[in-house]
Amino acid sequence: RHTRSASVSWVGDVYKRQGRRLPKVFRTAVMFVRTKAVRNGGSGIIPAGRVFNQISKRERVNMIQKAIILAAGKGTRFLPYTRVVPKEMLPVVDVPAIRFNIDEAVASGIKRLCIVTNSTKYDLNHYFEREVLPEGLEIEYVFQDVPLGTGDAVLKTEAFAGGDPVVVMNGDDLMYTDGGVPVTRQLIDCYERHGKVVIGVQCVDESVINKYSAVKAVSMCGRDIEINGIIEKPEASKAPSMYAALGRYVVTGEIYDILKHTPVSKINGEIILTDALNEYAEKFGCFACDFEGRRYDLGSKRGYLTAVTEFALRSAELGEWYK
């Protein structure tokens, strides 16, 4: 699943030949399979495409257990309210917006969370000291007090990632799957199938593609889309596809290496995560996951009000009255 070349013998070789760093979770997986082959009288050489098939369900479960929530934005679209209350604490009916991200992460098997925030968001930073957290979940904070972009925010979590693949969640994006597989879990499953960076996408209308990053699709297999690039906010006429990145990613250690030399954008003076993703995709190829679910943009007033309305209508307590 990591290469189409039959000459590559096992996953470690694939990463080495591509100049990529093998994540810790895969080192364990590869050693397990290789040792098992030797014990069974073989050479210990396993074709890359068979690695995950030979790891038992127990060893495969929850290979990604870390997630990052980007929540350092100033919330300028919701001023003056956000001078006092962080936008991540805006209630969707009666639940703080960020709680939906956390519940999605936990339901996807995440055990450790790192929230990128800033030191002025007192209510957000102390909310989880007062709130009962899901059992076994650890939360830590990293501060981004100077708004230097999503790339800079992710780079600040390098020590937290520790070389492992991690989920990156945009705090402004709320996902609803109506009891189905959480969006984060869908991306993790895609990563486990291919072992490369994954970008969560959905097809959007041509009239709004210029608000998003559009991926360059190479091939499709079900909802997994192999891509070799991603463009930040393209004009509709120049967009490589209508598949837009919508705030969910699985990134690997190589992304941190790339971010360290990603130039600051000439447009807004920020380090853009999309630029690093594009460089990774051009070098190694990566995947987009056309996820199933409803996405709400809580960073916009329309998106926020849409979320409040639809969640109120789904409420057993308020639905009939709210109609």
Protein backbone atom coordinates (compact mmCIF):
# COMPACT_ATOMS: atom_id res chain seq x y z
CA ARG A 1 0.00 0.00 0.00
CA HIS A 2 3.00 2.27 0.35
CA THR A 3 4.33 1.79 -3.18
CA ARG A 4 3.38 0.38 -6.54
CA SER A 5 6.86 -1.03 -7.15
CA ALA A 6 7.10 -4.81 -6.71
CA SER A 7 10.85 -4.50 -6.14
CA VAL A 8 10.46 -2.78 -2.79
CA SER A 9 10.61 -5.46 -0.15
CA TRP A 10 9.24 -3.88 3.03
CA VAL A 11 7.95 -0.64 4.46
CA GLY A 12 11.24 0.53 5.95
CA ASP A 13 12.87 0.35 2.51
CA VAL A 14 10.03 2.34 0.99
CA TYR A 15 10.53 5.23 3.38
CA LYS A 16 14.32 5.07 3.03
CA ARG A 17 14.21 5.19 -0.75
CA GLN A 18 11.82 8.12 -0.69
CA GLY A 19 14.01 9.99 1.77
CA ARG A 20 11.27 9.92 4.38
CA ARG A 21 11.45 9.35 8.12
CA LEU A 22 9.70 6.20 9.30
CA PRO A 23 7.20 7.07 12.07
CA LYS A 24 7.65 5.32 15.39
CA VAL A 25 4.36 3.47 15.11
CA PHE A 26 5.46 1.95 11.80
CA ARG A 27 8.86 0.96 13.17
CA THR A 28 7.02 -1.18 15.71
CA ALA A 29 4.66 -2.56 13.06
CA VAL A 30 7.47 -3.45 10.65
CA MET A 31 9.55 -5.14 13.33
CA PHE A 32 6.52 -7.16 14.41
CA VAL A 33 5.87 -8.46 10.91
CA ARG A 34 9.55 -9.06 10.14
CA THR A 35 10.10 -10.99 13.39
CA LYS A 36 6.97 -13.04 12.77
CA ALA A 37 8.23 -14.00 9.30
CA VAL A 38 11.61 -15.13 10.63
CA ARG A 39 9.97 -17.21 13.35
CA ASN A 40 7.88 -18.92 10.69
CA GLY A 41 11.01 -19.94 8.82
CA GLY A 42 11.05 -17.16 6.26
CA SER A 43 13.65 -14.54 5.41
CA GLY A 44 11.91 -11.76 7.27
CA ILE A 45 11.35 -9.87 4.01
CA ILE A 46 7.71 -8.84 3.67
CA PRO A 47 6.26 -7.04 0.60
CA ALA A 48 5.23 -3.53 1.58
CA GLY A 49 1.63 -4.00 0.52
CA ARG A 50 1.20 -6.95 2.91
CA VAL A 51 2.54 -5.37 6.10
CA PHE A 52 -0.73 -4.27 7.66
CA ASN A 53 -2.53 -7.43 6.58
CA GLN A 54 -0.13 -9.50 8.71
CA ILE A 55 -0.42 -7.41 11.86
CA SER A 56 -3.15 -8.64 14.16
CA LYS A 57 -6.09 -6.39 14.94
CA ARG A 58 -4.76 -5.87 18.47
CA GLU A 59 -1.43 -4.49 17.21
CA ARG A 60 -3.07 -2.30 14.54
CA VAL A 61 -5.71 -0.64 16.71
CA ASN A 62 -5.28 3.10 17.38
CA MET A 63 -1.89 3.54 15.73
CA ILE A 64 -2.52 7.31 15.87
CA GLN A 65 -3.30 8.52 19.37
CA LYS A 66 -2.30 12.20 19.20
CA ALA A 67 -4.23 15.16 17.86
CA ILE A 68 -3.67 18.90 17.63
CA ILE A 69 -6.46 21.48 17.73
CA LEU A 70 -5.64 24.87 16.23
CA ALA A 71 -7.38 27.44 18.41
CA ALA A 72 -5.12 30.50 18.57
CA GLY A 73 -7.09 32.71 16.17
CA LYS A 74 -8.27 36.13 17.33
CA GLY A 75 -11.88 35.70 16.19
CA THR A 76 -12.02 39.08 14.48
CA ARG A 77 -15.23 38.19 12.61
CA PHE A 78 -17.04 37.99 15.94
CA LEU A 79 -15.83 41.23 17.46
CA PRO A 80 -16.62 42.80 19.88
CA TYR A 81 -17.83 39.55 21.53
CA THR A 82 -14.46 37.83 21.16
CA ARG A 83 -12.66 40.57 23.07
CA VAL A 84 -14.04 38.85 26.16
CA VAL A 85 -14.92 35.26 25.15
CA PRO A 86 -12.79 33.11 22.81
CA LYS A 87 -14.61 32.11 19.64
CA GLU A 88 -13.92 28.45 20.49
CA MET A 89 -16.18 28.94 23.52
CA LEU A 90 -19.14 30.16 21.46
CA PRO A 91 -22.08 27.90 22.34
CA VAL A 92 -23.63 25.66 19.72
CA VAL A 93 -26.97 25.51 21.53
CA ASP A 94 -25.49 24.66 24.94
CA VAL A 95 -22.09 23.11 24.15
CA PRO A 96 -18.87 25.12 23.62
CA ALA A 97 -17.71 24.81 20.01
CA ILE A 98 -14.34 23.28 20.90
CA ARG A 99 -16.01 20.47 22.82
CA PHE A 100 -17.31 19.03 19.55
CA ASN A 101 -13.74 18.72 18.25
CA ILE A 102 -12.63 17.03 21.43
CA ASP A 103 -15.50 14.56 21.40
CA GLU A 104 -14.76 13.77 17.73
CA ALA A 105 -11.11 13.14 18.57
CA VAL A 106 -11.91 10.88 21.52
CA ALA A 107 -14.45 8.91 19.47
CA SER A 108 -11.67 8.39 16.91
CA GLY A 109 -9.29 6.80 19.41
CA ILE A 110 -7.24 9.87 20.35
CA LYS A 111 -5.66 9.70 23.81
CA ARG A 112 -3.49 12.86 23.83
CA LEU A 113 -4.54 16.34 22.72
CA CYS A 114 -2.46 19.47 22.21
CA ILE A 115 -4.43 22.70 21.92
CA VAL A 116 -2.62 25.55 20.21
CA THR A 117 -4.05 28.65 21.85
CA ASN A 118 -2.83 32.05 23.01
CA SER A 119 -2.28 33.42 26.47
CA THR A 120 -5.18 35.89 26.25
CA LYS A 121 -7.80 33.12 25.98
CA TYR A 122 -8.21 32.66 29.71
CA ASP A 123 -11.67 31.06 29.53
CA LEU A 124 -10.56 28.50 26.94
CA ASN A 125 -7.32 27.67 28.70
CA HIS A 126 -9.09 27.05 32.01
CA TYR A 127 -12.31 25.48 30.73
CA PHE A 128 -10.91 21.97 30.93
CA GLU A 129 -9.77 22.49 34.48
CA ARG A 130 -13.44 22.83 35.43
CA GLU A 131 -14.94 20.40 32.92
CA VAL A 132 -15.02 16.63 33.35
CA LEU A 133 -12.89 15.13 30.58
CA PRO A 134 -13.33 11.74 28.95
CA GLU A 135 -11.48 9.08 30.92
CA GLY A 136 -7.88 8.59 29.86
CA LEU A 137 -7.64 11.79 27.80
CA GLU A 138 -4.60 14.01 28.34
CA ILE A 139 -4.63 17.66 27.26
CA GLU A 140 -1.72 20.05 27.03
CA TYR A 141 -1.34 23.56 25.64
CA VAL A 142 1.04 25.35 23.32
CA PHE A 143 0.85 29.13 22.97
CA GLN A 144 0.98 31.09 19.74
CA ASP A 145 0.74 34.72 20.83
CA VAL A 146 1.97 36.16 17.53
CA PRO A 147 -0.43 35.23 14.68
CA LEU A 148 2.05 33.83 12.16
CA GLY A 149 -0.33 31.38 10.50
CA THR A 150 -1.38 27.76 10.60
CA GLY A 151 2.07 26.52 9.61
CA ASP A 152 3.67 28.29 12.55
CA ALA A 153 0.95 26.93 14.87
CA VAL A 154 1.60 23.34 13.78
CA LEU A 155 5.37 23.82 14.01
CA LYS A 156 5.01 24.77 17.67
CA THR A 157 3.69 21.27 18.36
CA GLU A 158 6.76 19.42 17.08
CA ALA A 159 7.84 18.29 20.55
CA PHE A 160 4.31 17.03 21.26
CA ALA A 161 4.25 15.03 18.01
CA GLY A 162 7.61 13.46 18.81
CA GLY A 163 8.06 12.09 15.30
CA ASP A 164 4.71 10.29 15.31
CA PRO A 165 1.89 10.90 12.82
CA VAL A 166 -0.69 13.22 14.36
CA VAL A 167 -4.14 14.52 13.51
CA VAL A 168 -4.48 18.27 12.97
CA MET A 169 -7.94 19.74 13.54
CA ASN A 170 -8.99 23.28 12.70
CA GLY A 171 -10.89 24.54 15.71
CA ASP A 172 -13.28 26.50 13.47
CA ASP A 173 -14.54 23.37 11.70
CA LEU A 174 -17.31 21.38 13.36
CA MET A 175 -18.09 17.98 11.85
CA TYR A 176 -21.39 16.12 12.17
CA THR A 177 -21.74 12.50 11.02
CA ASP A 178 -25.16 11.58 12.47
CA GLY A 179 -23.79 8.70 14.51
CA GLY A 180 -21.56 7.45 11.70
CA VAL A 181 -17.78 7.13 11.64
CA PRO A 182 -16.21 10.38 12.95
CA VAL A 183 -14.37 12.40 10.32
CA THR A 184 -11.08 12.15 12.20
CA ARG A 185 -11.44 8.36 12.30
CA GLN A 186 -12.05 8.31 8.54
CA LEU A 187 -8.75 10.15 8.00
CA ILE A 188 -6.88 7.85 10.38
CA ASP A 189 -8.20 4.82 8.52
CA CYS A 190 -7.02 6.36 5.24
CA TYR A 191 -3.56 6.94 6.74
CA GLU A 192 -3.38 3.33 7.93
CA ARG A 193 -4.16 2.16 4.39
CA HIS A 194 -1.46 4.27 2.72
CA GLY A 195 1.04 5.52 5.33
CA LYS A 196 1.20 9.06 3.93
CA VAL A 197 -0.11 12.49 4.84
CA VAL A 198 -3.91 12.70 4.54
CA ILE A 199 -6.01 15.80 3.83
CA GLY A 200 -9.73 15.78 4.61
CA VAL A 201 -11.68 17.10 1.63
CA GLN A 202 -15.15 17.45 0.19
CA CYS A 203 -16.34 18.63 -3.21
CA VAL A 204 -17.51 22.25 -3.11
CA ASP A 205 -19.24 24.49 -5.60
CA GLU A 206 -17.08 26.23 -8.19
CA SER A 207 -18.29 29.60 -6.89
CA VAL A 208 -16.59 29.11 -3.49
CA ILE A 209 -13.43 27.13 -4.33
CA ASN A 210 -11.43 30.37 -4.12
CA LYS A 211 -12.07 30.37 -0.36
CA TYR A 212 -10.34 27.04 0.16
CA SER A 213 -7.28 25.02 -0.79
CA ALA A 214 -7.90 22.74 -3.78
CA VAL A 215 -6.10 19.41 -4.24
CA LYS A 216 -4.54 18.07 -7.45
CA ALA A 217 -6.09 14.64 -7.89
CA VAL A 218 -4.14 11.86 -9.63
CA SER A 219 -6.39 8.85 -9.08
CA MET A 220 -9.29 7.72 -6.94
CA CYS A 221 -10.16 4.50 -5.13
CA GLY A 222 -13.46 4.80 -3.33
CA ARG A 223 -13.12 7.85 -1.10
CA ASP A 224 -9.30 7.77 -1.10
CA ILE A 225 -7.88 10.26 -3.60
CA GLU A 226 -4.21 10.10 -4.51
CA ILE A 227 -2.89 13.65 -5.00
CA ASN A 228 0.38 15.31 -5.99
CA GLY A 229 -0.27 18.89 -4.90
CA ILE A 230 -2.58 21.39 -3.25
CA ILE A 231 -3.16 25.05 -4.12
CA GLU A 232 -4.17 27.77 -1.65
CA LYS A 233 -7.35 29.65 -2.65
CA PRO A 234 -7.16 29.29 -6.44
CA GLU A 235 -9.37 31.14 -8.88
CA ALA A 236 -12.15 28.86 -10.11
CA SER A 237 -10.72 28.81 -13.62
CA LYS A 238 -7.31 27.68 -12.31
CA ALA A 239 -8.47 25.25 -9.62
CA PRO A 240 -7.08 21.73 -10.22
CA SER A 241 -10.27 20.23 -8.78
CA MET A 242 -13.31 21.15 -6.73
CA TYR A 243 -12.08 19.04 -3.80
CA ALA A 244 -11.43 21.51 -0.99
CA ALA A 245 -9.41 20.97 2.19
CA LEU A 246 -11.80 21.37 5.13
CA GLY A 247 -9.89 21.50 8.38
CA ARG A 248 -8.82 17.90 9.08
CA TYR A 249 -5.38 16.43 8.38
CA VAL A 250 -3.04 13.63 9.34
CA VAL A 251 0.56 14.88 9.19
CA THR A 252 3.89 13.12 9.63
CA GLY A 253 7.33 14.15 10.82
CA GLU A 254 8.33 15.26 7.33
CA ILE A 255 5.76 18.08 7.51
CA TYR A 256 7.61 19.55 10.51
CA ASP A 257 10.89 19.36 8.61
CA ILE A 258 9.33 21.14 5.64
CA LEU A 259 7.69 23.83 7.80
CA LYS A 260 11.09 24.81 9.18
CA HIS A 261 12.12 26.13 5.77
CA THR A 262 8.70 27.16 4.41
CA PRO A 263 8.93 30.84 3.45
CA VAL A 264 6.59 33.42 4.91
CA SER A 265 3.73 34.27 2.58
CA LYS A 266 4.17 37.53 0.68
CA ILE A 267 0.41 38.08 0.87
CA ASN A 268 -0.19 38.02 4.63
CA GLY A 269 3.21 37.49 6.28
CA GLU A 270 2.21 34.08 7.64
CA ILE A 271 3.58 30.55 7.35
CA ILE A 272 0.89 28.61 5.53
CA LEU A 273 0.35 24.92 6.29
CA THR A 274 -0.91 24.42 2.72
CA ASP A 275 2.51 25.38 1.34
CA ALA A 276 4.17 22.63 3.39
CA LEU A 277 1.50 20.11 2.38
CA ASN A 278 2.03 21.00 -1.27
CA GLU A 279 5.80 20.48 -1.02
CA TYR A 280 5.26 17.13 0.70
CA ALA A 281 2.74 16.06 -1.97
CA GLU A 282 5.09 17.01 -4.80
CA LYS A 283 7.98 15.07 -3.23
CA PHE A 284 6.25 11.98 -1.90
CA GLY A 285 2.64 12.06 -3.06
CA CYS A 286 -0.13 11.96 -0.49
CA PHE A 287 -3.83 11.26 -0.13
CA ALA A 288 -7.03 13.18 0.30
CA CYS A 289 -9.95 11.56 2.09
CA ASP A 290 -13.34 12.54 0.71
CA PHE A 291 -14.95 12.23 4.12
CA GLU A 292 -18.59 11.58 4.87
CA GLY A 293 -20.27 14.13 7.11
CA ARG A 294 -21.62 17.65 7.41
CA ARG A 295 -19.06 20.40 7.98
CA TYR A 296 -19.86 23.73 9.62
CA ASP A 297 -17.55 26.73 9.37
CA LEU A 298 -17.79 28.23 12.85
CA GLY A 299 -15.31 30.91 11.85
CA SER A 300 -18.01 32.70 9.86
CA LYS A 301 -21.27 34.16 11.14
CA ARG A 302 -23.34 32.29 8.56
CA GLY A 303 -21.65 29.00 9.32
CA TYR A 304 -22.04 29.50 13.05
CA LEU A 305 -25.73 30.40 12.83
CA THR A 306 -26.34 27.45 10.51
CA ALA A 307 -24.76 25.11 13.06
CA VAL A 308 -26.81 26.53 15.93
CA THR A 309 -30.03 26.23 13.91
CA GLU A 310 -29.44 22.67 12.71
CA PHE A 311 -28.26 21.39 16.09
CA ALA A 312 -31.28 23.01 17.75
CA LEU A 313 -33.58 21.30 15.24
CA ARG A 314 -31.94 17.94 16.05
CA SER A 315 -32.39 18.47 19.78
CA ALA A 316 -34.98 16.23 21.46
CA GLU A 317 -35.64 19.05 23.90
CA LEU A 318 -35.83 21.97 21.47
CA GLY A 319 -36.45 20.55 17.99
CA GLU A 320 -40.24 20.76 17.79
CA TRP A 321 -40.36 24.15 19.50
CA TYR A 322 -37.56 25.56 17.35
CA LYS A 323 -39.37 24.71 14.12
